[in-house]
C-alpha atoms as a PDB file:
ATOM      1  CA  MET A   1      26.745 -48.615 -34.165  1.00  0.00           C
ATOM      2  CA  PRO A   2      29.635 -46.500 -35.558  1.00  0.00           C
ATOM      3  CA  GLY A   3      28.808 -45.578 -39.121  1.00  0.00           C
ATOM      4  CA  ALA A   4      25.151 -46.514 -38.696  1.00  0.00           C
ATOM      5  CA  GLU A   5      22.853 -45.019 -41.325  1.00  0.00           C
ATOM      6  CA  ILE A   6      19.723 -45.122 -39.121  1.00  0.00           C
ATOM      7  CA  LEU A   7      19.477 -45.359 -35.328  1.00  0.00           C
ATOM      8  CA  LEU A   8      16.323 -46.908 -33.830  1.00  0.00           C
ATOM      9  CA  LEU A   9      15.860 -45.873 -30.195  1.00  0.00           C
ATOM     10  CA  ALA A  10      13.695 -48.475 -28.462  1.00  0.00           C
ATOM     11  CA  VAL A  11      14.350 -47.509 -24.844  1.00  0.00           C
ATOM     12  CA  PRO A  12      11.958 -46.591 -22.022  1.00  0.00           C
ATOM     13  CA  MET A  13      11.000 -42.931 -22.312  1.00  0.00           C
ATOM     14  CA  GLN A  14      12.633 -41.943 -19.010  1.00  0.00           C
ATOM     15  CA  HIS A  15      16.019 -43.159 -20.308  1.00  0.00           C
ATOM     16  CA  LEU A  16      15.897 -41.471 -23.713  1.00  0.00           C
ATOM     17  CA  ARG A  17      17.803 -38.333 -22.741  1.00  0.00           C
ATOM     18  CA  GLY A  18      20.435 -40.351 -20.888  1.00  0.00           C
ATOM     19  CA  ILE A  19      21.466 -42.400 -23.914  1.00  0.00           C
ATOM     20  CA  LEU A  20      21.793 -39.468 -26.319  1.00  0.00           C
ATOM     21  CA  PRO A  21      25.412 -38.672 -25.338  1.00  0.00           C
ATOM     22  CA  GLU A  22      26.304 -42.327 -26.003  1.00  0.00           C
ATOM     23  CA  LEU A  23      25.106 -42.206 -29.609  1.00  0.00           C
ATOM     24  CA  PRO A  24      27.536 -41.548 -32.472  1.00  0.00           C
ATOM     25  CA  GLN A  25      27.577 -37.957 -33.582  1.00  0.00           C
ATOM     26  CA  GLY A  26      26.628 -37.130 -37.132  1.00  0.00           C
ATOM     27  CA  ASP A  27      23.605 -36.932 -39.370  1.00  0.00           C
ATOM     28  CA  ALA A  28      22.217 -40.450 -38.916  1.00  0.00           C
ATOM     29  CA  PRO A  29      18.479 -39.961 -38.300  1.00  0.00           C
ATOM     30  CA  LEU A  30      16.962 -41.089 -35.011  1.00  0.00           C
ATOM     31  CA  VAL A  31      13.848 -43.254 -35.253  1.00  0.00           C
ATOM     32  CA  LEU A  32      12.039 -42.875 -31.941  1.00  0.00           C
ATOM     33  CA  CYS A  33      10.223 -46.033 -30.840  1.00  0.00           C
ATOM     34  CA  CYS A  34       9.596 -44.916 -27.251  1.00  0.00           C
ATOM     35  CA  LYS A  35       6.228 -43.626 -26.064  1.00  0.00           C
ATOM     36  CA  GLY A  36       5.605 -41.229 -23.194  1.00  0.00           C
ATOM     37  CA  LEU A  37       6.593 -37.892 -21.717  1.00  0.00           C
ATOM     38  CA  GLU A  38       9.760 -37.138 -19.820  1.00  0.00           C
ATOM     39  CA  ARG A  39       8.811 -36.916 -16.161  1.00  0.00           C
ATOM     40  CA  GLU A  40      10.689 -33.750 -15.214  1.00  0.00           C
ATOM     41  CA  SER A  41      10.524 -31.702 -18.425  1.00  0.00           C
ATOM     42  CA  LEU A  42       7.088 -32.918 -19.659  1.00  0.00           C
ATOM     43  CA  LEU A  43       8.602 -33.219 -23.146  1.00  0.00           C
ATOM     44  CA  LEU A  44       7.601 -35.730 -25.815  1.00  0.00           C
ATOM     45  CA  PRO A  45      10.301 -37.822 -27.580  1.00  0.00           C
ATOM     46  CA  PRO A  46      10.769 -35.492 -30.598  1.00  0.00           C
ATOM     47  CA  GLU A  47      11.205 -32.544 -28.227  1.00  0.00           C
ATOM     48  CA  VAL A  48      13.838 -34.368 -26.178  1.00  0.00           C
ATOM     49  CA  VAL A  49      15.983 -35.020 -29.278  1.00  0.00           C
ATOM     50  CA  ALA A  50      15.388 -31.599 -30.857  1.00  0.00           C
ATOM     51  CA  GLY A  51      18.286 -30.549 -33.036  1.00  0.00           C
ATOM     52  CA  ARG A  52      18.883 -33.944 -34.639  1.00  0.00           C
ATOM     53  CA  PRO A  53      17.000 -35.396 -37.622  1.00  0.00           C
ATOM     54  CA  ALA A  54      14.313 -37.606 -36.118  1.00  0.00           C
ATOM     55  CA  ALA A  55      11.095 -39.474 -36.808  1.00  0.00           C
ATOM     56  CA  MET A  56       8.485 -41.261 -34.698  1.00  0.00           C
ATOM     57  CA  LEU A  57       7.733 -44.916 -35.428  1.00  0.00           C
ATOM     58  CA  THR A  58       4.464 -45.661 -33.686  1.00  0.00           C
ATOM     59  CA  GLY A  59       1.154 -47.442 -34.014  1.00  0.00           C
ATOM     60  CA  PRO A  60      -0.886 -50.435 -32.825  1.00  0.00           C
ATOM     61  CA  ASN A  61       1.931 -52.919 -32.510  1.00  0.00           C
ATOM     62  CA  PHE A  62       2.874 -55.478 -29.859  1.00  0.00           C
ATOM     63  CA  ALA A  63       6.584 -56.170 -30.234  1.00  0.00           C
ATOM     64  CA  HIS A  64       6.266 -59.943 -29.920  1.00  0.00           C
ATOM     65  CA  GLU A  65       3.875 -60.037 -32.897  1.00  0.00           C
ATOM     66  CA  ILE A  66       6.211 -57.910 -35.019  1.00  0.00           C
ATOM     67  CA  ALA A  67       9.074 -60.239 -34.107  1.00  0.00           C
ATOM     68  CA  ALA A  68       6.964 -63.241 -35.097  1.00  0.00           C
ATOM     69  CA  GLY A  69       6.357 -61.739 -38.532  1.00  0.00           C
ATOM     70  CA  LEU A  70       2.614 -61.278 -38.078  1.00  0.00           C
ATOM     71  CA  PRO A  71       0.971 -58.610 -40.284  1.00  0.00           C
ATOM     72  CA  ALA A  72       0.916 -55.096 -38.848  1.00  0.00           C
ATOM     73  CA  ALA A  73       0.866 -51.428 -39.799  1.00  0.00           C
ATOM     74  CA  ALA A  74       2.581 -48.416 -38.254  1.00  0.00           C
ATOM     75  CA  VAL A  75       3.136 -44.700 -38.801  1.00  0.00           C
ATOM     76  CA  LEU A  76       6.491 -43.129 -39.629  1.00  0.00           C
ATOM     77  CA  ALA A  77       6.113 -39.458 -38.721  1.00  0.00           C
ATOM     78  CA  THR A  78       8.512 -36.621 -39.502  1.00  0.00           C
ATOM     79  CA  PRO A  79       7.966 -33.214 -41.102  1.00  0.00           C
ATOM     80  CA  ASP A  80      10.924 -33.846 -43.437  1.00  0.00           C
ATOM     81  CA  ALA A  81       9.289 -35.418 -46.522  1.00  0.00           C
ATOM     82  CA  ALA A  82      12.584 -36.597 -48.017  1.00  0.00           C
ATOM     83  CA  LEU A  83      13.678 -38.232 -44.772  1.00  0.00           C
ATOM     84  CA  ARG A  84      10.232 -39.785 -44.389  1.00  0.00           C
ATOM     85  CA  ALA A  85      10.501 -41.451 -47.791  1.00  0.00           C
ATOM     86  CA  VAL A  86      13.988 -42.796 -47.076  1.00  0.00           C
ATOM     87  CA  LEU A  87      13.026 -44.217 -43.682  1.00  0.00           C
ATOM     88  CA  MET A  88       9.818 -45.792 -44.917  1.00  0.00           C
ATOM     89  CA  GLY A  89      11.698 -47.524 -47.702  1.00  0.00           C
ATOM     90  CA  ALA A  90      14.369 -48.784 -45.323  1.00  0.00           C
ATOM     91  CA  LEU A  91      12.119 -49.987 -42.502  1.00  0.00           C
ATOM     92  CA  LYS A  92       9.141 -51.526 -44.280  1.00  0.00           C
ATOM     93  CA  THR A  93       8.981 -55.313 -44.501  1.00  0.00           C
ATOM     94  CA  GLY A  94       6.720 -57.859 -46.132  1.00  0.00           C
ATOM     95  CA  THR A  95       4.636 -58.002 -42.951  1.00  0.00           C
ATOM     96  CA  LEU A  96       4.991 -54.437 -41.613  1.00  0.00           C
ATOM     97  CA  ARG A  97       3.234 -51.808 -43.704  1.00  0.00           C
ATOM     98  CA  LEU A  98       4.257 -48.216 -43.027  1.00  0.00           C
ATOM     99  CA  TYR A  99       2.228 -45.061 -43.538  1.00  0.00           C
ATOM    100  CA  GLY A 100       3.859 -41.647 -43.573  1.00  0.00           C
ATOM    101  CA  SER A 101       2.847 -38.552 -41.641  1.00  0.00           C
ATOM    102  CA  ALA A 102       4.259 -35.052 -41.363  1.00  0.00           C
ATOM    103  CA  ASP A 103       2.696 -34.628 -37.894  1.00  0.00           C
ATOM    104  CA  ILE A 104       5.422 -35.846 -35.559  1.00  0.00           C
ATOM    105  CA  MET A 105       3.903 -34.122 -32.502  1.00  0.00           C
ATOM    106  CA  GLY A 106       0.461 -35.614 -33.045  1.00  0.00           C
ATOM    107  CA  ALA A 107       1.955 -39.074 -33.551  1.00  0.00           C
ATOM    108  CA  ALA A 108       4.120 -38.777 -30.444  1.00  0.00           C
ATOM    109  CA  LEU A 109       1.224 -37.598 -28.310  1.00  0.00           C
ATOM    110  CA  GLY A 110      -1.066 -40.401 -29.471  1.00  0.00           C
ATOM    111  CA  GLY A 111       1.557 -42.970 -28.541  1.00  0.00           C
ATOM    112  CA  ALA A 112       2.030 -41.457 -25.096  1.00  0.00           C
ATOM    113  CA  ALA A 113      -1.550 -40.709 -24.098  1.00  0.00           C
ATOM    114  CA  LYS A 114      -3.029 -44.051 -25.146  1.00  0.00           C
ATOM    115  CA  ASN A 115      -1.143 -45.730 -22.289  1.00  0.00           C
ATOM    116  CA  VAL A 116      -2.987 -43.589 -19.757  1.00  0.00           C
ATOM    117  CA  ILE A 117      -6.394 -44.294 -21.277  1.00  0.00           C
ATOM    118  CA  ALA A 118      -5.509 -48.008 -21.366  1.00  0.00           C
ATOM    119  CA  ILE A 119      -4.987 -48.001 -17.602  1.00  0.00           C
ATOM    120  CA  ALA A 120      -8.472 -46.521 -17.219  1.00  0.00           C
ATOM    121  CA  ALA A 121      -9.906 -49.132 -19.585  1.00  0.00           C
ATOM    122  CA  GLY A 122      -8.301 -51.888 -17.538  1.00  0.00           C
ATOM    123  CA  VAL A 123      -9.746 -50.448 -14.339  1.00  0.00           C
ATOM    124  CA  VAL A 124     -13.212 -50.451 -15.897  1.00  0.00           C
ATOM    125  CA  MET A 125     -12.960 -54.108 -16.864  1.00  0.00           C
ATOM    126  CA  GLY A 126     -11.268 -55.191 -13.646  1.00  0.00           C
ATOM    127  CA  ALA A 127     -13.986 -53.535 -11.575  1.00  0.00           C
ATOM    128  CA  GLY A 128     -16.691 -55.249 -13.630  1.00  0.00           C
ATOM    129  CA  LEU A 129     -18.157 -52.008 -14.968  1.00  0.00           C
ATOM    130  CA  GLY A 130     -18.879 -53.484 -18.387  1.00  0.00           C
ATOM    131  CA  GLU A 131     -18.133 -53.155 -22.078  1.00  0.00           C
ATOM    132  CA  ASN A 132     -20.423 -50.117 -22.457  1.00  0.00           C
ATOM    133  CA  ALA A 133     -18.254 -48.203 -20.002  1.00  0.00           C
ATOM    134  CA  ARG A 134     -15.046 -49.239 -21.743  1.00  0.00           C
ATOM    135  CA  ALA A 135     -16.347 -48.174 -25.165  1.00  0.00           C
ATOM    136  CA  ALA A 136     -17.430 -44.801 -23.783  1.00  0.00           C
ATOM    137  CA  LEU A 137     -14.095 -44.318 -22.059  1.00  0.00           C
ATOM    138  CA  ILE A 138     -12.066 -45.111 -25.185  1.00  0.00           C
ATOM    139  CA  THR A 139     -14.167 -42.693 -27.246  1.00  0.00           C
ATOM    140  CA  ARG A 140     -13.957 -39.840 -24.752  1.00  0.00           C
ATOM    141  CA  GLY A 141     -10.278 -40.574 -24.198  1.00  0.00           C
ATOM    142  CA  LEU A 142      -9.700 -40.121 -27.906  1.00  0.00           C
ATOM    143  CA  ALA A 143     -11.472 -36.754 -27.721  1.00  0.00           C
ATOM    144  CA  GLU A 144      -9.227 -35.431 -24.970  1.00  0.00           C
ATOM    145  CA  ILE A 145      -6.081 -36.626 -26.759  1.00  0.00           C
ATOM    146  CA  ALA A 146      -7.234 -34.799 -29.903  1.00  0.00           C
ATOM    147  CA  ARG A 147      -7.770 -31.577 -27.946  1.00  0.00           C
ATOM    148  CA  LEU A 148      -4.243 -31.658 -26.568  1.00  0.00           C
ATOM    149  CA  ALA A 149      -2.735 -32.589 -29.932  1.00  0.00           C
ATOM    150  CA  ALA A 150      -4.252 -29.497 -31.503  1.00  0.00           C
ATOM    151  CA  ALA A 151      -3.066 -27.321 -28.623  1.00  0.00           C
ATOM    152  CA  LEU A 152       0.514 -28.558 -28.998  1.00  0.00           C
ATOM    153  CA  GLY A 153       0.685 -27.845 -32.711  1.00  0.00           C
ATOM    154  CA  GLY A 154      -0.299 -31.279 -33.936  1.00  0.00           C
ATOM    155  CA  LYS A 155      -3.383 -32.197 -35.926  1.00  0.00           C
ATOM    156  CA  ALA A 156      -6.531 -33.583 -34.349  1.00  0.00           C
ATOM    157  CA  GLU A 157      -7.035 -35.846 -37.369  1.00  0.00           C
ATOM    158  CA  THR A 158      -3.712 -37.585 -36.684  1.00  0.00           C
ATOM    159  CA  VAL A 159      -5.273 -38.930 -33.500  1.00  0.00           C
ATOM    160  CA  SER A 160      -7.932 -40.665 -35.612  1.00  0.00           C
ATOM    161  CA  GLY A 161      -5.292 -42.735 -37.412  1.00  0.00           C
ATOM    162  CA  LEU A 162      -2.977 -45.607 -36.543  1.00  0.00           C
ATOM    163  CA  SER A 163      -0.869 -43.589 -34.101  1.00  0.00           C
ATOM    164  CA  GLY A 164      -3.953 -42.546 -32.121  1.00  0.00           C
ATOM    165  CA  LEU A 165      -7.142 -44.545 -32.480  1.00  0.00           C
ATOM    166  CA  GLY A 166      -5.367 -47.655 -33.748  1.00  0.00           C
ATOM    167  CA  ASP A 167      -2.889 -47.744 -30.867  1.00  0.00           C
ATOM    168  CA  LEU A 168      -5.627 -46.819 -28.395  1.00  0.00           C
ATOM    169  CA  LEU A 169      -7.868 -49.705 -29.444  1.00  0.00           C
ATOM    170  CA  LEU A 170      -5.060 -52.251 -29.219  1.00  0.00           C
ATOM    171  CA  THR A 171      -3.794 -51.044 -25.868  1.00  0.00           C
ATOM    172  CA  CYS A 172      -7.271 -50.807 -24.330  1.00  0.00           C
ATOM    173  CA  THR A 173      -8.340 -54.290 -25.413  1.00  0.00           C
ATOM    174  CA  GLY A 174      -5.225 -56.417 -25.953  1.00  0.00           C
ATOM    175  CA  GLU A 175      -4.377 -58.879 -23.209  1.00  0.00           C
ATOM    176  CA  SER A 176      -0.653 -58.318 -23.861  1.00  0.00           C
ATOM    177  CA  SER A 177      -0.902 -54.607 -22.983  1.00  0.00           C
ATOM    178  CA  ARG A 178       1.078 -53.837 -19.825  1.00  0.00           C
ATOM    179  CA  ASN A 179      -0.967 -50.703 -19.205  1.00  0.00           C
ATOM    180  CA  PHE A 180      -4.331 -52.424 -19.638  1.00  0.00           C
ATOM    181  CA  SER A 181      -3.265 -55.317 -17.402  1.00  0.00           C
ATOM    182  CA  LEU A 182      -2.098 -52.893 -14.714  1.00  0.00           C
ATOM    183  CA  GLY A 183      -5.481 -51.167 -14.792  1.00  0.00           C
ATOM    184  CA  LEU A 184      -7.192 -54.557 -14.710  1.00  0.00           C
ATOM    185  CA  ALA A 185      -5.337 -55.443 -11.509  1.00  0.00           C
ATOM    186  CA  LEU A 186      -6.128 -52.048  -9.973  1.00  0.00           C
ATOM    187  CA  GLY A 187      -9.800 -52.537 -10.790  1.00  0.00           C
ATOM    188  CA  ARG A 188      -9.725 -55.908  -9.030  1.00  0.00           C
ATOM    189  CA  GLY A 189      -8.418 -54.289  -5.863  1.00  0.00           C
ATOM    190  CA  GLU A 190      -4.652 -54.776  -6.038  1.00  0.00           C
ATOM    191  CA  THR A 191      -2.413 -51.903  -4.961  1.00  0.00           C
ATOM    192  CA  LEU A 192      -0.149 -50.138  -7.410  1.00  0.00           C
ATOM    193  CA  ALA A 193       2.932 -50.958  -5.338  1.00  0.00           C
ATOM    194  CA  HIS A 194       2.081 -54.663  -5.354  1.00  0.00           C
ATOM    195  CA  ILE A 195       1.462 -54.699  -9.119  1.00  0.00           C
ATOM    196  CA  LEU A 196       4.706 -52.900  -9.953  1.00  0.00           C
ATOM    197  CA  ALA A 197       6.729 -55.076  -7.559  1.00  0.00           C
ATOM    198  CA  GLY A 198       5.800 -58.115  -9.615  1.00  0.00           C
ATOM    199  CA  ARG A 199       6.913 -56.614 -12.930  1.00  0.00           C
ATOM    200  CA  SER A 200      10.272 -56.343 -14.623  1.00  0.00           C
ATOM    201  CA  ALA A 201       9.026 -54.457 -17.708  1.00  0.00           C
ATOM    202  CA  VAL A 202       8.178 -50.758 -17.671  1.00  0.00           C
ATOM    203  CA  THR A 203       4.511 -49.734 -17.621  1.00  0.00           C
ATOM    204  CA  GLU A 204       4.857 -46.323 -19.284  1.00  0.00           C
ATOM    205  CA  GLY A 205       1.381 -45.042 -18.395  1.00  0.00           C
ATOM    206  CA  VAL A 206       2.252 -44.807 -14.696  1.00  0.00           C
ATOM    207  CA  THR A 207       4.826 -42.055 -15.214  1.00  0.00           C
ATOM    208  CA  THR A 208       3.091 -40.600 -18.254  1.00  0.00           C
ATOM    209  CA  ALA A 209      -0.235 -39.853 -16.523  1.00  0.00           C
ATOM    210  CA  PRO A 210       0.905 -37.048 -14.167  1.00  0.00           C
ATOM    211  CA  ALA A 211       3.268 -35.612 -16.787  1.00  0.00           C
ATOM    212  CA  LEU A 212       0.516 -35.599 -19.419  1.00  0.00           C
ATOM    213  CA  LEU A 213      -1.905 -33.941 -17.016  1.00  0.00           C
ATOM    214  CA  ALA A 214       0.637 -31.231 -16.195  1.00  0.00           C
ATOM    215  CA  ARG A 215       1.353 -30.636 -19.882  1.00  0.00           C
ATOM    216  CA  ALA A 216      -2.367 -30.360 -20.578  1.00  0.00           C
ATOM    217  CA  ALA A 217      -2.878 -27.932 -17.712  1.00  0.00           C
ATOM    218  CA  ALA A 218      -0.071 -25.729 -19.016  1.00  0.00           C
ATOM    219  CA  ALA A 219      -1.779 -25.716 -22.421  1.00  0.00           C
ATOM    220  CA  GLY A 220      -5.195 -24.974 -20.912  1.00  0.00           C
ATOM    221  CA  VAL A 221      -6.657 -28.301 -22.078  1.00  0.00           C
ATOM    222  CA  ASP A 222      -9.163 -30.270 -20.005  1.00  0.00           C
ATOM    223  CA  MET A 223      -8.328 -33.993 -19.776  1.00  0.00           C
ATOM    224  CA  PRO A 224     -10.722 -35.504 -17.217  1.00  0.00           C
ATOM    225  CA  ILE A 225      -9.861 -39.161 -17.806  1.00  0.00           C
ATOM    226  CA  THR A 226      -6.152 -38.459 -17.541  1.00  0.00           C
ATOM    227  CA  GLY A 227      -6.835 -36.491 -14.361  1.00  0.00           C
ATOM    228  CA  ALA A 228      -8.840 -39.347 -12.879  1.00  0.00           C
ATOM    229  CA  VAL A 229      -6.125 -41.898 -13.672  1.00  0.00           C
ATOM    230  CA  THR A 230      -3.489 -39.628 -12.138  1.00  0.00           C
ATOM    231  CA  LYS A 231      -5.460 -39.346  -8.895  1.00  0.00           C
ATOM    232  CA  LEU A 232      -6.100 -43.086  -8.826  1.00  0.00           C
ATOM    233  CA  LEU A 233      -2.418 -43.903  -9.332  1.00  0.00           C
ATOM    234  CA  GLY A 234      -1.458 -41.316  -6.709  1.00  0.00           C
ATOM    235  CA  GLY A 235      -3.795 -42.816  -4.123  1.00  0.00           C
ATOM    236  CA  GLU A 236      -5.973 -39.699  -3.978  1.00  0.00           C
ATOM    237  CA  MET A 237      -9.112 -41.610  -5.005  1.00  0.00           C
ATOM    238  CA  ASN A 238     -10.194 -45.237  -5.108  1.00  0.00           C
ATOM    239  CA  VAL A 239     -11.875 -46.918  -8.078  1.00  0.00           C
ATOM    240  CA  ARG A 240     -15.414 -46.167  -6.889  1.00  0.00           C
ATOM    241  CA  GLN A 241     -14.620 -42.494  -6.286  1.00  0.00           C
ATOM    242  CA  THR A 242     -12.841 -42.225  -9.635  1.00  0.00           C
ATOM    243  CA  MET A 243     -15.809 -43.564 -11.582  1.00  0.00           C
ATOM    244  CA  ALA A 244     -18.239 -41.410  -9.596  1.00  0.00           C
ATOM    245  CA  ALA A 245     -16.193 -38.291 -10.346  1.00  0.00           C
ATOM    246  CA  LEU A 246     -16.201 -38.991 -14.089  1.00  0.00           C
ATOM    247  CA  MET A 247     -19.922 -39.795 -14.230  1.00  0.00           C
ATOM    248  CA  SER A 248     -20.934 -36.706 -12.239  1.00  0.00           C
ATOM    249  CA  ARG A 249     -19.219 -34.179 -14.491  1.00  0.00           C
ATOM    250  CA  ALA A 250     -21.392 -31.393 -15.855  1.00  0.00           C
ATOM    251  CA  LEU A 251     -23.462 -32.370 -18.876  1.00  0.00           C
ATOM    252  CA  LYS A 252     -22.446 -30.973 -22.264  1.00  0.00           C
ATOM    253  CA  ASP A 253     -22.735 -31.615 -25.985  1.00  0.00           C
ATOM    254  CA  GLU A 254     -20.314 -34.106 -27.498  1.00  0.00           C
END
């Protein structure tokens, strides 16, 4: 690590701040591969590392497929155009195509929020509510992520790209998604404690949901799906009550 030209931080979001003092000091840019919000501060990855040159590497990618050399695409987001060009050139491979973006906040939010929507999508499928319900949930989930992105200084259109819609589709439909599979088990009647006890890997959406809801509330943004998932995970509502609450919301134009 000493003398490293680029540092890729692929740690669970709740450990990001803790490893920063262990990193070599200097100007080596940080490439953030973690997705979520810090539980206590409600900050996104770029906000946690503020003060150091950084970029988000995010998109619809399962790590085991990247490692196997299967074709994939991702977003490298940083407002520094020169740094963006350097990092894209260094990190691209013959099977990983990178697209640049100046919207680091929008990219970070898409990567965090999609885990929460994926839990909801899993619940829908686990409870046998059907593909229609999942498609509606993904679409409306994308809408609430876009609202918050704009409120936090990002761009709503970023959420329509790989770091938003692309990641959302993969996480809400892919069998390898930890967040989708957790929702699937919840929908089938398993308890959260039982599901988590059987896992060694982190399911980021569990800690992200309440933090994302609090961040949205502070920004004055309505996120009903995120709110429903938070209540479900917190034991405030069961699956039937959660779905009933979402379906009984006041009617409005899309």
